Amino acid sequence: MLAFPCNQFGSQEPGTNAEVLEFAQRNYGVTFPMHAKIEVNGKGAHPLFKYLRSEAKGILGTTAIKWNFTKFIVDRDGKVVAREAPKTTPTSLVPQLEALLARPS
């Protein structure tokens, strides 16, 4: 699991990288590493998110990420398998992730 904080959605993550990490650990029990804040939409969008958005479009073919916590599932070869809504819980993705991990390399 990779997390990329972004402050482009209602200024929900205005703090420093350290403050965002501490908030996520304290309020959500995050135990995985978090990357530095980036932009996911617009001219300043990080190349990773330009790729993810182009490979897995949203509702009605949109590419923009509408809200924080949009999830992308990528297989071990870098192929984007799915784009999941912000309301999709990580635990609901476990069966799909386990199936991907069970595939031979």
Protein backbone atom coordinates (compact mmCIF):
# COMPACT_ATOMS: atom_id res chain seq x y z
CA MET A 1 0.00 0.00 0.00
CA LEU A 2 1.27 3.43 -0.94
CA ALA A 3 -0.24 6.68 0.30
CA PHE A 4 0.24 10.03 -1.41
CA PRO A 5 -1.22 12.91 0.61
CA CYS A 6 -2.67 15.73 -1.47
CA ASN A 7 -4.02 19.11 -0.44
CA GLN A 8 -6.06 19.68 -3.62
CA PHE A 9 -9.35 18.54 -2.08
CA GLY A 10 -10.86 21.16 0.19
CA SER A 11 -7.46 21.86 1.76
CA GLN A 12 -7.84 18.77 3.94
CA GLU A 13 -4.09 18.23 4.29
CA PRO A 14 -2.54 21.66 4.76
CA GLY A 15 0.17 20.58 7.19
CA THR A 16 3.73 19.48 6.65
CA ASN A 17 4.47 15.91 5.57
CA ALA A 18 5.31 15.05 9.18
CA GLU A 19 2.03 16.55 10.44
CA VAL A 20 -0.01 14.68 7.83
CA LEU A 21 1.68 11.39 8.79
CA GLU A 22 1.15 11.99 12.52
CA PHE A 23 -2.54 12.79 11.92
CA ALA A 24 -3.03 9.64 9.84
CA GLN A 25 -1.29 7.48 12.44
CA ARG A 26 -3.21 8.98 15.36
CA ASN A 27 -6.68 9.09 13.77
CA TYR A 28 -6.63 6.15 11.34
CA GLY A 29 -4.00 3.79 12.75
CA VAL A 30 -1.86 4.08 9.61
CA THR A 31 1.18 1.84 9.91
CA PHE A 32 2.46 1.91 6.34
CA PRO A 33 4.88 4.50 4.93
CA MET A 34 3.40 7.65 3.47
CA HIS A 35 5.01 9.58 0.64
CA ALA A 36 5.45 13.35 0.54
CA LYS A 37 2.47 15.47 -0.48
CA ILE A 38 1.96 15.77 -4.22
CA GLU A 39 -0.55 17.11 -6.71
CA VAL A 40 -2.73 14.56 -8.48
CA ASN A 41 -4.69 16.87 -10.80
CA GLY A 42 -3.88 19.84 -13.00
CA LYS A 43 -0.66 21.08 -14.58
CA GLY A 44 1.38 20.18 -11.51
CA ALA A 45 0.11 16.59 -11.31
CA HIS A 46 2.80 14.06 -10.52
CA PRO A 47 3.67 11.80 -13.50
CA LEU A 48 2.55 8.72 -11.55
CA PHE A 49 -0.95 10.12 -11.21
CA LYS A 50 -1.05 11.25 -14.81
CA TYR A 51 -0.37 7.61 -15.71
CA LEU A 52 -2.87 6.16 -13.21
CA ARG A 53 -5.62 8.53 -14.31
CA SER A 54 -5.07 7.78 -18.00
CA GLU A 55 -5.09 4.01 -17.46
CA ALA A 56 -8.15 3.84 -15.21
CA LYS A 57 -10.71 6.51 -15.90
CA GLY A 58 -13.45 7.44 -13.48
CA ILE A 59 -17.19 7.61 -13.92
CA LEU A 60 -18.26 8.70 -17.39
CA GLY A 61 -14.68 8.48 -18.60
CA THR A 62 -13.35 11.35 -16.52
CA THR A 63 -9.66 11.36 -15.69
CA ALA A 64 -9.58 13.88 -12.84
CA ILE A 65 -9.49 12.54 -9.33
CA LYS A 66 -12.59 13.90 -7.61
CA TRP A 67 -11.68 13.43 -3.96
CA ASN A 68 -9.03 12.19 -1.55
CA PHE A 69 -8.81 8.46 -0.94
CA THR A 70 -9.36 7.44 -4.55
CA LYS A 71 -7.60 4.09 -4.82
CA PHE A 72 -5.74 2.51 -7.72
CA ILE A 73 -4.86 -1.16 -7.84
CA VAL A 74 -1.71 -1.90 -9.79
CA ASP A 75 -0.36 -5.38 -10.46
CA ARG A 76 3.27 -6.39 -10.02
CA ASP A 77 3.96 -5.57 -13.68
CA GLY A 78 2.74 -1.99 -13.28
CA LYS A 79 -0.57 -2.52 -15.07
CA VAL A 80 -3.44 -0.55 -13.58
CA VAL A 81 -6.10 -3.12 -12.72
CA ALA A 82 -8.76 -0.93 -11.12
CA ARG A 83 -9.73 2.49 -9.88
CA GLU A 84 -11.84 2.54 -6.74
CA ALA A 85 -13.98 5.31 -5.29
CA PRO A 86 -12.96 7.20 -2.16
CA LYS A 87 -15.75 5.51 -0.19
CA THR A 88 -14.46 2.03 -1.05
CA THR A 89 -12.88 0.65 2.09
CA PRO A 90 -9.41 -0.86 1.90
CA THR A 91 -10.66 -4.03 3.58
CA SER A 92 -13.23 -4.58 0.84
CA LEU A 93 -10.34 -4.77 -1.63
CA VAL A 94 -8.59 -7.63 0.16
CA PRO A 95 -10.04 -10.45 -2.01
CA GLN A 96 -9.02 -8.67 -5.21
CA LEU A 97 -5.54 -7.95 -3.85
CA GLU A 98 -5.07 -11.52 -2.62
CA ALA A 99 -6.05 -12.83 -6.06
CA LEU A 100 -3.47 -10.57 -7.70
CA LEU A 101 -0.79 -11.66 -5.23
CA ALA A 102 -1.60 -15.33 -5.84
CA ARG A 103 -0.86 -15.01 -9.56
CA PRO A 104 2.51 -16.39 -10.58
CA SER A 105 5.22 -13.83 -11.30
